[in-house]
Amino acid sequence: MIHQSIVDYSSDSDVCMNDDDYDNDIRVDNQQLNQVSSDELIIKKIINRLLFKVEKRYLHQFVNSFRSHREQPFHYDTDDTDDDHLSPWSPDDNESDINVDDESDSETMTACKTEGELTFDELPKIERLNIHSPVEQLTQIGTINSFVNQLVIVQSFTTVHVLDLDSTLFLKDGSPLGQIFDVIGPVRQPNYVVRFNSSKEIRDMNLSINMAVYYNGCFPEPYTKYVFVNHLIRQKGCDASWKDNNEPPPEHQDYSDDEQERQARWKFQAKSRLNPTKYE
């Protein structure tokens, strides 16, 4: 419309015009320009409103899609034909899927350790326990919480006595699960660690998460050993660090109590007199 007005004005430029005609033309041109400006503003408002509605609708759809994905439970893909699926480790996993060619590479990939520190594979082999408990004497101590390599983690109940290291744990039928290798976690509800020679031994026993674990309170030591608070209070550990960040030998441990230090040194000197070559 503006372009047309300019063309018309140019075509009539040869015609002589008086002042009144010129003022009238200028007024008409201003009205036309105002009309164009108002139309552009209306169009801009309409476009902005449409864009706002589109963005709002898209954002609403995105939020609903995100919420539906969060609320939808995750399912592991159990299709054997899909090689890209992931699944948590369980004692039923098959180690035969590992390539024999990769065994040489896996031997070089070992965990970091200090000089003189022993790994689980370097520890003495665990012998299978030849013991069976009567079912009526069993008391449930907790359930299997997880598996870590050749370790079985048993989470205990807060209503039972705390067992000490090397105590024997049993399954529901009275067969032995194994001896307590380590105790970790809070004192009121510790986790018992049972060590096996390999993860294959765990699979052979058909162990699973949340399986009940028992102990026999009628068995004497060393099968069932309890932890007593007064014994723990009398014990004093040593946090000193020795060569290669390992624990110091007994003769170099520091004690806060002078009497305990004298007793420890006296015991060490007595042992060294009995076997001098061992402590040279």
C-alpha atoms as a PDB file:
ATOM      1  CA  MET A   1       0.000   0.000   0.000  1.00  0.00           C
ATOM      2  CA  ILE A   2       2.885   2.363   0.792  1.00  0.00           C
ATOM      3  CA  HIS A   3       4.650   1.407  -2.417  1.00  0.00           C
ATOM      4  CA  GLN A   4       1.508   2.065  -4.441  1.00  0.00           C
ATOM      5  CA  SER A   5       1.134   5.521  -2.867  1.00  0.00           C
ATOM      6  CA  ILE A   6       4.694   6.408  -3.758  1.00  0.00           C
ATOM      7  CA  VAL A   7       4.174   5.254  -7.358  1.00  0.00           C
ATOM      8  CA  ASP A   8       1.005   7.300  -7.669  1.00  0.00           C
ATOM      9  CA  TYR A   9       2.713  10.303  -6.225  1.00  0.00           C
ATOM     10  CA  SER A  10       5.617   9.956  -8.632  1.00  0.00           C
ATOM     11  CA  SER A  11       3.331   9.651 -11.643  1.00  0.00           C
ATOM     12  CA  ASP A  12       1.545  12.906 -10.733  1.00  0.00           C
ATOM     13  CA  SER A  13       4.684  14.838  -9.965  1.00  0.00           C
ATOM     14  CA  ASP A  14       4.516  16.671 -13.300  1.00  0.00           C
ATOM     15  CA  VAL A  15       1.115  18.128 -12.483  1.00  0.00           C
ATOM     16  CA  CYS A  16       1.160  21.477 -10.812  1.00  0.00           C
ATOM     17  CA  MET A  17      -0.341  21.394  -7.354  1.00  0.00           C
ATOM     18  CA  ASN A  18      -1.330  24.144  -5.049  1.00  0.00           C
ATOM     19  CA  ASP A  19      -0.694  24.166  -1.292  1.00  0.00           C
ATOM     20  CA  ASP A  20      -4.131  22.872  -0.332  1.00  0.00           C
ATOM     21  CA  ASP A  21      -3.847  19.905  -2.639  1.00  0.00           C
ATOM     22  CA  TYR A  22      -0.411  19.152  -1.308  1.00  0.00           C
ATOM     23  CA  ASP A  23      -1.600  19.270   2.298  1.00  0.00           C
ATOM     24  CA  ASN A  24      -4.481  16.956   1.477  1.00  0.00           C
ATOM     25  CA  ASP A  25      -2.146  14.451  -0.141  1.00  0.00           C
ATOM     26  CA  ILE A  26       0.185  14.518   2.840  1.00  0.00           C
ATOM     27  CA  ARG A  27      -2.759  13.928   5.188  1.00  0.00           C
ATOM     28  CA  VAL A  28      -3.925  10.990   3.116  1.00  0.00           C
ATOM     29  CA  ASP A  29      -0.441   9.511   3.052  1.00  0.00           C
ATOM     30  CA  ASN A  30      -0.138   9.801   6.852  1.00  0.00           C
ATOM     31  CA  GLN A  31      -3.467   8.063   7.320  1.00  0.00           C
ATOM     32  CA  GLN A  32      -2.344   5.271   5.050  1.00  0.00           C
ATOM     33  CA  LEU A  33       0.944   4.927   6.957  1.00  0.00           C
ATOM     34  CA  ASN A  34      -0.918   4.847  10.256  1.00  0.00           C
ATOM     35  CA  GLN A  35      -3.199   2.188   8.835  1.00  0.00           C
ATOM     36  CA  VAL A  36      -0.182   0.079   7.838  1.00  0.00           C
ATOM     37  CA  SER A  37       1.460   0.512  11.252  1.00  0.00           C
ATOM     38  CA  SER A  38      -1.689  -0.519  13.089  1.00  0.00           C
ATOM     39  CA  ASP A  39      -2.064  -3.576  10.831  1.00  0.00           C
ATOM     40  CA  GLU A  40       1.510  -4.606  11.506  1.00  0.00           C
ATOM     41  CA  LEU A  41       1.013  -4.286  15.250  1.00  0.00           C
ATOM     42  CA  ILE A  42      -2.116  -6.423  15.092  1.00  0.00           C
ATOM     43  CA  ILE A  43      -0.315  -9.054  13.019  1.00  0.00           C
ATOM     44  CA  LYS A  44       2.625  -9.072  15.442  1.00  0.00           C
ATOM     45  CA  LYS A  45       0.297  -9.523  18.412  1.00  0.00           C
ATOM     46  CA  ILE A  46      -1.491 -12.395  16.674  1.00  0.00           C
ATOM     47  CA  ILE A  47       1.806 -14.085  15.785  1.00  0.00           C
ATOM     48  CA  ASN A  48       3.178 -13.674  19.325  1.00  0.00           C
ATOM     49  CA  ARG A  49      -0.020 -15.085  20.794  1.00  0.00           C
ATOM     50  CA  LEU A  50       0.114 -18.074  18.461  1.00  0.00           C
ATOM     51  CA  LEU A  51       3.771 -18.699  19.273  1.00  0.00           C
ATOM     52  CA  PHE A  52       3.022 -18.483  22.996  1.00  0.00           C
ATOM     53  CA  LYS A  53       0.207 -21.020  22.687  1.00  0.00           C
ATOM     54  CA  VAL A  54       2.383 -23.380  20.646  1.00  0.00           C
ATOM     55  CA  GLU A  55       5.276 -23.127  23.107  1.00  0.00           C
ATOM     56  CA  LYS A  56       2.944 -23.593  26.056  1.00  0.00           C
ATOM     57  CA  ARG A  57       1.345 -26.667  24.484  1.00  0.00           C
ATOM     58  CA  TYR A  58       4.753 -28.146  23.618  1.00  0.00           C
ATOM     59  CA  LEU A  59       6.054 -27.514  27.129  1.00  0.00           C
ATOM     60  CA  HIS A  60       2.941 -29.115  28.621  1.00  0.00           C
ATOM     61  CA  GLN A  61       3.392 -32.203  26.438  1.00  0.00           C
ATOM     62  CA  PHE A  62       7.073 -32.398  27.366  1.00  0.00           C
ATOM     63  CA  VAL A  63       6.334 -32.209  31.103  1.00  0.00           C
ATOM     64  CA  ASN A  64       3.650 -34.906  30.848  1.00  0.00           C
ATOM     65  CA  SER A  65       5.988 -37.144  28.883  1.00  0.00           C
ATOM     66  CA  PHE A  66       8.762 -36.642  31.445  1.00  0.00           C
ATOM     67  CA  ARG A  67       6.414 -37.443  34.349  1.00  0.00           C
ATOM     68  CA  SER A  68       5.123 -40.577  32.651  1.00  0.00           C
ATOM     69  CA  HIS A  69       8.675 -41.821  32.141  1.00  0.00           C
ATOM     70  CA  ARG A  70       9.527 -41.171  35.786  1.00  0.00           C
ATOM     71  CA  GLU A  71       6.426 -42.903  37.118  1.00  0.00           C
ATOM     72  CA  GLN A  72       6.753 -45.877  34.800  1.00  0.00           C
ATOM     73  CA  PRO A  73       8.688 -48.721  36.526  1.00  0.00           C
ATOM     74  CA  PHE A  74      11.911 -49.777  34.852  1.00  0.00           C
ATOM     75  CA  HIS A  75      11.964 -53.311  33.474  1.00  0.00           C
ATOM     76  CA  TYR A  76      15.078 -55.145  32.507  1.00  0.00           C
ATOM     77  CA  ASP A  77      15.077 -56.591  29.032  1.00  0.00           C
ATOM     78  CA  THR A  78      15.181 -60.357  29.331  1.00  0.00           C
ATOM     79  CA  ASP A  79      15.263 -61.023  25.593  1.00  0.00           C
ATOM     80  CA  ASP A  80      18.287 -63.187  24.903  1.00  0.00           C
ATOM     81  CA  THR A  81      18.429 -61.912  21.334  1.00  0.00           C
ATOM     82  CA  ASP A  82      19.265 -58.397  22.488  1.00  0.00           C
ATOM     83  CA  ASP A  83      22.974 -58.091  23.171  1.00  0.00           C
ATOM     84  CA  ASP A  84      22.719 -54.554  24.505  1.00  0.00           C
ATOM     85  CA  HIS A  85      20.576 -55.238  27.581  1.00  0.00           C
ATOM     86  CA  LEU A  86      21.976 -54.778  31.070  1.00  0.00           C
ATOM     87  CA  SER A  87      21.088 -56.721  34.191  1.00  0.00           C
ATOM     88  CA  PRO A  88      22.300 -56.653  37.806  1.00  0.00           C
ATOM     89  CA  TRP A  89      24.767 -59.274  38.960  1.00  0.00           C
ATOM     90  CA  SER A  90      23.271 -62.298  40.631  1.00  0.00           C
ATOM     91  CA  PRO A  91      24.724 -65.636  41.722  1.00  0.00           C
ATOM     92  CA  ASP A  92      22.945 -67.237  38.751  1.00  0.00           C
ATOM     93  CA  ASP A  93      25.103 -65.395  36.224  1.00  0.00           C
ATOM     94  CA  ASN A  94      27.028 -67.691  33.940  1.00  0.00           C
ATOM     95  CA  GLU A  95      30.772 -67.168  33.849  1.00  0.00           C
ATOM     96  CA  SER A  96      31.037 -69.329  30.750  1.00  0.00           C
ATOM     97  CA  ASP A  97      30.111 -66.273  28.659  1.00  0.00           C
ATOM     98  CA  ILE A  98      33.571 -64.855  29.261  1.00  0.00           C
ATOM     99  CA  ASN A  99      35.982 -65.428  26.410  1.00  0.00           C
ATOM    100  CA  VAL A 100      39.008 -67.584  27.103  1.00  0.00           C
ATOM    101  CA  ASP A 101      41.082 -65.085  25.142  1.00  0.00           C
ATOM    102  CA  ASP A 102      40.197 -62.406  27.685  1.00  0.00           C
ATOM    103  CA  GLU A 103      41.509 -64.407  30.635  1.00  0.00           C
ATOM    104  CA  SER A 104      45.078 -63.330  29.975  1.00  0.00           C
ATOM    105  CA  ASP A 105      43.970 -59.702  29.906  1.00  0.00           C
ATOM    106  CA  SER A 106      41.926 -60.031  33.096  1.00  0.00           C
ATOM    107  CA  GLU A 107      44.924 -61.401  34.958  1.00  0.00           C
ATOM    108  CA  THR A 108      46.760 -58.140  34.437  1.00  0.00           C
ATOM    109  CA  MET A 109      43.770 -56.059  35.596  1.00  0.00           C
ATOM    110  CA  THR A 110      44.061 -56.370  39.365  1.00  0.00           C
ATOM    111  CA  ALA A 111      42.893 -54.059  42.116  1.00  0.00           C
ATOM    112  CA  CYS A 112      45.269 -51.515  43.591  1.00  0.00           C
ATOM    113  CA  LYS A 113      46.929 -52.665  46.798  1.00  0.00           C
ATOM    114  CA  THR A 114      49.867 -51.797  48.998  1.00  0.00           C
ATOM    115  CA  GLU A 115      53.070 -53.783  49.204  1.00  0.00           C
ATOM    116  CA  GLY A 116      52.466 -56.848  51.344  1.00  0.00           C
ATOM    117  CA  GLU A 117      48.658 -56.577  51.211  1.00  0.00           C
ATOM    118  CA  LEU A 118      46.869 -59.828  50.395  1.00  0.00           C
ATOM    119  CA  THR A 119      43.901 -60.141  48.060  1.00  0.00           C
ATOM    120  CA  PHE A 120      41.066 -62.639  48.533  1.00  0.00           C
ATOM    121  CA  ASP A 121      42.638 -64.970  45.979  1.00  0.00           C
ATOM    122  CA  GLU A 122      45.917 -64.954  47.904  1.00  0.00           C
ATOM    123  CA  LEU A 123      44.281 -65.929  51.195  1.00  0.00           C
ATOM    124  CA  PRO A 124      44.214 -69.584  52.252  1.00  0.00           C
ATOM    125  CA  LYS A 125      41.447 -71.632  50.679  1.00  0.00           C
ATOM    126  CA  ILE A 126      38.301 -72.099  52.728  1.00  0.00           C
ATOM    127  CA  GLU A 127      37.464 -75.677  53.565  1.00  0.00           C
ATOM    128  CA  ARG A 128      33.863 -76.783  53.380  1.00  0.00           C
ATOM    129  CA  LEU A 129      32.346 -77.079  56.863  1.00  0.00           C
ATOM    130  CA  ASN A 130      31.364 -80.585  57.867  1.00  0.00           C
ATOM    131  CA  ILE A 131      28.642 -79.642  60.317  1.00  0.00           C
ATOM    132  CA  HIS A 132      24.861 -79.714  60.410  1.00  0.00           C
ATOM    133  CA  SER A 133      22.514 -77.997  62.849  1.00  0.00           C
ATOM    134  CA  PRO A 134      19.182 -79.335  64.101  1.00  0.00           C
ATOM    135  CA  VAL A 135      16.420 -77.234  62.594  1.00  0.00           C
ATOM    136  CA  GLU A 136      14.613 -76.749  65.912  1.00  0.00           C
ATOM    137  CA  GLN A 137      17.720 -75.085  67.392  1.00  0.00           C
ATOM    138  CA  LEU A 138      18.093 -72.491  64.658  1.00  0.00           C
ATOM    139  CA  THR A 139      17.393 -68.802  65.237  1.00  0.00           C
ATOM    140  CA  GLN A 140      17.160 -66.434  62.306  1.00  0.00           C
ATOM    141  CA  ILE A 141      19.818 -63.760  62.485  1.00  0.00           C
ATOM    142  CA  GLY A 142      19.061 -61.903  59.251  1.00  0.00           C
ATOM    143  CA  THR A 143      18.801 -62.173  55.484  1.00  0.00           C
ATOM    144  CA  ILE A 144      21.205 -62.126  52.549  1.00  0.00           C
ATOM    145  CA  ASN A 145      21.560 -58.518  51.444  1.00  0.00           C
ATOM    146  CA  SER A 146      23.956 -58.654  48.484  1.00  0.00           C
ATOM    147  CA  PHE A 147      26.788 -60.464  46.716  1.00  0.00           C
ATOM    148  CA  VAL A 148      30.214 -58.917  46.079  1.00  0.00           C
ATOM    149  CA  ASN A 149      32.499 -61.165  44.044  1.00  0.00           C
ATOM    150  CA  GLN A 150      33.113 -64.169  46.321  1.00  0.00           C
ATOM    151  CA  LEU A 151      31.559 -62.485  49.364  1.00  0.00           C
ATOM    152  CA  VAL A 152      28.029 -62.890  50.728  1.00  0.00           C
ATOM    153  CA  ILE A 153      26.716 -59.970  52.804  1.00  0.00           C
ATOM    154  CA  VAL A 154      24.165 -60.861  55.494  1.00  0.00           C
ATOM    155  CA  GLN A 155      22.205 -58.019  57.099  1.00  0.00           C
ATOM    156  CA  SER A 156      21.308 -58.873  60.681  1.00  0.00           C
ATOM    157  CA  PHE A 157      18.264 -58.061  62.778  1.00  0.00           C
ATOM    158  CA  THR A 158      18.408 -55.625  65.682  1.00  0.00           C
ATOM    159  CA  THR A 159      16.653 -58.065  68.021  1.00  0.00           C
ATOM    160  CA  VAL A 160      19.343 -60.775  68.077  1.00  0.00           C
ATOM    161  CA  HIS A 161      22.744 -61.074  69.700  1.00  0.00           C
ATOM    162  CA  VAL A 162      25.758 -59.805  67.800  1.00  0.00           C
ATOM    163  CA  LEU A 163      28.061 -62.603  66.679  1.00  0.00           C
ATOM    164  CA  ASP A 164      31.836 -62.430  66.581  1.00  0.00           C
ATOM    165  CA  LEU A 165      34.244 -63.437  63.845  1.00  0.00           C
ATOM    166  CA  ASP A 166      34.505 -67.119  62.833  1.00  0.00           C
ATOM    167  CA  SER A 167      30.983 -67.876  64.075  1.00  0.00           C
ATOM    168  CA  THR A 168      29.091 -70.314  61.848  1.00  0.00           C
ATOM    169  CA  LEU A 169      25.945 -69.282  59.976  1.00  0.00           C
ATOM    170  CA  PHE A 170      23.377 -71.769  58.674  1.00  0.00           C
ATOM    171  CA  LEU A 171      20.611 -71.991  56.116  1.00  0.00           C
ATOM    172  CA  LYS A 172      16.984 -72.921  56.749  1.00  0.00           C
ATOM    173  CA  ASP A 173      17.574 -76.672  56.397  1.00  0.00           C
ATOM    174  CA  GLY A 174      20.458 -76.645  58.895  1.00  0.00           C
ATOM    175  CA  SER A 175      23.231 -76.836  56.306  1.00  0.00           C
ATOM    176  CA  PRO A 176      26.166 -74.485  56.901  1.00  0.00           C
ATOM    177  CA  LEU A 177      26.399 -71.247  54.952  1.00  0.00           C
ATOM    178  CA  GLY A 178      29.894 -70.467  56.173  1.00  0.00           C
ATOM    179  CA  GLN A 179      31.903 -68.731  58.847  1.00  0.00           C
ATOM    180  CA  ILE A 180      31.821 -65.002  59.500  1.00  0.00           C
ATOM    181  CA  PHE A 181      34.845 -63.540  57.731  1.00  0.00           C
ATOM    182  CA  ASP A 182      34.243 -59.916  58.698  1.00  0.00           C
ATOM    183  CA  VAL A 183      31.726 -57.727  60.541  1.00  0.00           C
ATOM    184  CA  ILE A 184      30.901 -54.318  59.064  1.00  0.00           C
ATOM    185  CA  GLY A 185      28.306 -51.627  59.642  1.00  0.00           C
ATOM    186  CA  PRO A 186      26.719 -50.231  62.819  1.00  0.00           C
ATOM    187  CA  VAL A 187      27.075 -52.066  66.111  1.00  0.00           C
ATOM    188  CA  ARG A 188      23.318 -52.325  66.686  1.00  0.00           C
ATOM    189  CA  GLN A 189      22.712 -53.893  63.257  1.00  0.00           C
ATOM    190  CA  PRO A 190      25.957 -55.207  61.779  1.00  0.00           C
ATOM    191  CA  ASN A 191      26.442 -56.878  58.414  1.00  0.00           C
ATOM    192  CA  TYR A 192      28.160 -60.246  58.413  1.00  0.00           C
ATOM    193  CA  VAL A 193      30.523 -61.066  55.552  1.00  0.00           C
ATOM    194  CA  VAL A 194      30.896 -64.718  54.560  1.00  0.00           C
ATOM    195  CA  ARG A 195      33.795 -65.462  52.224  1.00  0.00           C
ATOM    196  CA  PHE A 196      33.880 -68.164  49.571  1.00  0.00           C
ATOM    197  CA  ASN A 197      36.724 -69.321  47.360  1.00  0.00           C
ATOM    198  CA  SER A 198      34.940 -68.124  44.206  1.00  0.00           C
ATOM    199  CA  SER A 199      31.613 -66.790  43.000  1.00  0.00           C
ATOM    200  CA  LYS A 200      30.948 -70.197  41.432  1.00  0.00           C
ATOM    201  CA  GLU A 201      30.628 -71.719  44.905  1.00  0.00           C
ATOM    202  CA  ILE A 202      27.907 -69.176  45.668  1.00  0.00           C
ATOM    203  CA  ARG A 203      25.975 -70.126  42.546  1.00  0.00           C
ATOM    204  CA  ASP A 204      26.331 -73.830  43.318  1.00  0.00           C
ATOM    205  CA  MET A 205      24.569 -73.252  46.650  1.00  0.00           C
ATOM    206  CA  ASN A 206      21.609 -71.552  44.894  1.00  0.00           C
ATOM    207  CA  LEU A 207      21.748 -68.545  47.198  1.00  0.00           C
ATOM    208  CA  SER A 208      19.529 -65.551  46.510  1.00  0.00           C
ATOM    209  CA  ILE A 209      18.773 -62.086  47.850  1.00  0.00           C
ATOM    210  CA  ASN A 210      16.530 -61.960  50.969  1.00  0.00           C
ATOM    211  CA  MET A 211      17.229 -65.614  51.768  1.00  0.00           C
ATOM    212  CA  ALA A 212      16.965 -66.273  55.506  1.00  0.00           C
ATOM    213  CA  VAL A 213      20.173 -66.932  57.471  1.00  0.00           C
ATOM    214  CA  TYR A 214      20.333 -68.573  60.906  1.00  0.00           C
ATOM    215  CA  TYR A 215      22.667 -69.349  63.779  1.00  0.00           C
ATOM    216  CA  ASN A 216      22.572 -71.997  66.490  1.00  0.00           C
ATOM    217  CA  GLY A 217      22.537 -70.479  69.954  1.00  0.00           C
ATOM    218  CA  CYS A 218      22.969 -73.904  71.544  1.00  0.00           C
ATOM    219  CA  PHE A 219      26.318 -74.531  69.898  1.00  0.00           C
ATOM    220  CA  PRO A 220      29.359 -73.667  72.025  1.00  0.00           C
ATOM    221  CA  GLU A 221      32.434 -71.840  70.838  1.00  0.00           C
ATOM    222  CA  PRO A 222      33.973 -71.720  68.303  1.00  0.00           C
ATOM    223  CA  TYR A 223      30.755 -72.341  66.317  1.00  0.00           C
ATOM    224  CA  THR A 224      28.840 -69.542  68.046  1.00  0.00           C
ATOM    225  CA  LYS A 225      30.746 -66.658  69.601  1.00  0.00           C
ATOM    226  CA  TYR A 226      29.018 -63.561  70.937  1.00  0.00           C
ATOM    227  CA  VAL A 227      30.288 -60.003  71.167  1.00  0.00           C
ATOM    228  CA  PHE A 228      30.015 -58.500  74.666  1.00  0.00           C
ATOM    229  CA  VAL A 229      30.113 -54.781  75.302  1.00  0.00           C
ATOM    230  CA  ASN A 230      32.474 -54.967  78.277  1.00  0.00           C
ATOM    231  CA  HIS A 231      35.009 -56.829  76.161  1.00  0.00           C
ATOM    232  CA  LEU A 232      34.817 -54.169  73.480  1.00  0.00           C
ATOM    233  CA  ILE A 233      35.346 -51.391  76.016  1.00  0.00           C
ATOM    234  CA  ARG A 234      38.549 -53.011  77.295  1.00  0.00           C
ATOM    235  CA  GLN A 235      39.971 -53.323  73.788  1.00  0.00           C
ATOM    236  CA  LYS A 236      42.187 -50.517  72.512  1.00  0.00           C
ATOM    237  CA  GLY A 237      43.131 -50.471  68.877  1.00  0.00           C
ATOM    238  CA  CYS A 238      46.031 -48.809  67.122  1.00  0.00           C
ATOM    239  CA  ASP A 239      45.586 -46.477  64.142  1.00  0.00           C
ATOM    240  CA  ALA A 240      49.293 -46.108  63.462  1.00  0.00           C
ATOM    241  CA  SER A 241      50.566 -46.666  59.934  1.00  0.00           C
ATOM    242  CA  TRP A 242      53.655 -48.719  59.125  1.00  0.00           C
ATOM    243  CA  LYS A 243      55.660 -49.327  55.999  1.00  0.00           C
ATOM    244  CA  ASP A 244      53.601 -49.283  52.769  1.00  0.00           C
ATOM    245  CA  ASN A 245      50.600 -48.019  54.790  1.00  0.00           C
ATOM    246  CA  ASN A 246      50.150 -51.377  56.535  1.00  0.00           C
ATOM    247  CA  GLU A 247      49.576 -52.019  60.229  1.00  0.00           C
ATOM    248  CA  PRO A 248      52.714 -51.862  62.376  1.00  0.00           C
ATOM    249  CA  PRO A 249      54.077 -55.014  64.004  1.00  0.00           C
ATOM    250  CA  PRO A 250      53.279 -55.513  67.700  1.00  0.00           C
ATOM    251  CA  GLU A 251      56.691 -54.313  68.904  1.00  0.00           C
ATOM    252  CA  HIS A 252      56.184 -50.902  67.261  1.00  0.00           C
ATOM    253  CA  GLN A 253      52.618 -50.154  68.306  1.00  0.00           C
ATOM    254  CA  ASP A 254      52.078 -47.083  70.463  1.00  0.00           C
ATOM    255  CA  TYR A 255      49.863 -47.198  73.539  1.00  0.00           C
ATOM    256  CA  SER A 256      48.283 -44.349  75.439  1.00  0.00           C
ATOM    257  CA  ASP A 257      48.496 -46.247  78.711  1.00  0.00           C
ATOM    258  CA  ASP A 258      51.988 -46.706  80.171  1.00  0.00           C
ATOM    259  CA  GLU A 259      50.937 -49.857  82.014  1.00  0.00           C
ATOM    260  CA  GLN A 260      49.664 -51.462  78.811  1.00  0.00           C
ATOM    261  CA  GLU A 261      52.859 -50.487  77.046  1.00  0.00           C
ATOM    262  CA  ARG A 262      54.975 -52.161  79.722  1.00  0.00           C
ATOM    263  CA  GLN A 263      52.879 -55.315  79.591  1.00  0.00           C
ATOM    264  CA  ALA A 264      53.051 -55.472  75.798  1.00  0.00           C
ATOM    265  CA  ARG A 265      56.821 -55.020  75.782  1.00  0.00           C
ATOM    266  CA  TRP A 266      57.245 -57.610  78.499  1.00  0.00           C
ATOM    267  CA  LYS A 267      55.212 -60.142  76.478  1.00  0.00           C
ATOM    268  CA  PHE A 268      57.196 -59.383  73.337  1.00  0.00           C
ATOM    269  CA  GLN A 269      60.523 -59.772  75.137  1.00  0.00           C
ATOM    270  CA  ALA A 270      59.364 -63.089  76.600  1.00  0.00           C
ATOM    271  CA  LYS A 271      58.424 -64.376  73.139  1.00  0.00           C
ATOM    272  CA  SER A 272      61.711 -63.189  71.646  1.00  0.00           C
ATOM    273  CA  ARG A 273      63.687 -65.057  74.334  1.00  0.00           C
ATOM    274  CA  LEU A 274      61.809 -68.277  73.541  1.00  0.00           C
ATOM    275  CA  ASN A 275      62.332 -67.956  69.774  1.00  0.00           C
ATOM    276  CA  PRO A 276      65.105 -65.410  69.112  1.00  0.00           C
ATOM    277  CA  THR A 277      65.532 -66.265  65.409  1.00  0.00           C
ATOM    278  CA  LYS A 278      61.903 -65.357  64.632  1.00  0.00           C
ATOM    279  CA  TYR A 279      62.246 -61.784  65.902  1.00  0.00           C
ATOM    280  CA  GLU A 280      65.670 -60.937  64.504  1.00  0.00           C
END
